[in-house]
Amino acid sequence: TAAMYSFMASCKRNGCDEREWLSDIFDRVQGIKHKDLFKLLPSNWAKYRGQL
């Protein structure tokens, strides 16, 4: 879908490995608080990864 293409493009812009990011967020999304979902976006993921 268009949303996935957008996320993958965002990963590339932010220097994230797309597969690593996707695998990590799928593991974390179920247990994360709603207010912290922004931390899973590719633009924030590397910065907050160790804090999640």
Protein backbone atom coordinates (compact mmCIF):
# COMPACT_ATOMS: atom_id res chain seq x y z
CA THR A 1 0.00 0.00 0.00
CA ALA A 2 0.96 3.65 -0.25
CA ALA A 3 1.48 3.89 3.52
CA MET A 4 4.10 1.14 3.47
CA TYR A 5 5.94 2.79 0.58
CA SER A 6 5.92 6.01 2.56
CA PHE A 7 7.37 4.29 5.64
CA MET A 8 10.06 2.58 3.56
CA ALA A 9 11.02 5.88 1.91
CA SER A 10 11.16 7.50 5.35
CA CYS A 11 13.49 4.72 6.54
CA LYS A 12 15.84 5.38 3.64
CA ARG A 13 15.79 9.15 4.29
CA ASN A 14 16.62 8.57 7.94
CA GLY A 15 19.28 5.91 7.42
CA CYS A 16 17.26 3.04 8.92
CA ASP A 17 17.42 -0.48 7.59
CA GLU A 18 13.85 -1.07 6.41
CA ARG A 19 13.67 -4.73 7.42
CA GLU A 20 15.24 -4.12 10.82
CA TRP A 21 12.86 -1.23 11.51
CA LEU A 22 9.78 -3.17 10.43
CA SER A 23 10.73 -6.25 12.45
CA ASP A 24 11.45 -4.14 15.52
CA ILE A 25 8.24 -2.12 15.43
CA PHE A 26 6.12 -5.23 14.93
CA ASP A 27 7.69 -6.66 18.09
CA ARG A 28 7.16 -3.46 20.08
CA VAL A 29 3.85 -2.01 18.87
CA GLN A 30 1.65 -4.26 21.01
CA GLY A 31 3.24 -3.24 24.28
CA ILE A 32 3.88 0.45 23.69
CA LYS A 33 1.81 3.20 25.27
CA HIS A 34 -0.33 5.25 22.93
CA LYS A 35 1.54 8.45 23.81
CA ASP A 36 4.84 6.82 22.76
CA LEU A 37 3.78 5.59 19.30
CA PHE A 38 5.58 8.52 17.64
CA LYS A 39 8.84 6.93 18.81
CA LEU A 40 8.30 4.07 16.35
CA LEU A 41 8.28 6.34 13.29
CA PRO A 42 11.39 5.94 11.16
CA SER A 43 12.43 9.53 11.84
CA ASN A 44 12.48 8.86 15.61
CA TRP A 45 13.18 5.14 15.82
CA ALA A 46 16.99 5.20 16.09
CA LYS A 47 16.90 7.94 18.73
CA TYR A 48 14.37 6.20 21.00
CA ARG A 49 15.12 2.56 20.21
CA GLY A 50 17.06 1.91 23.41
CA GLN A 51 14.38 3.58 25.52
CA LEU A 52 11.43 1.48 24.36
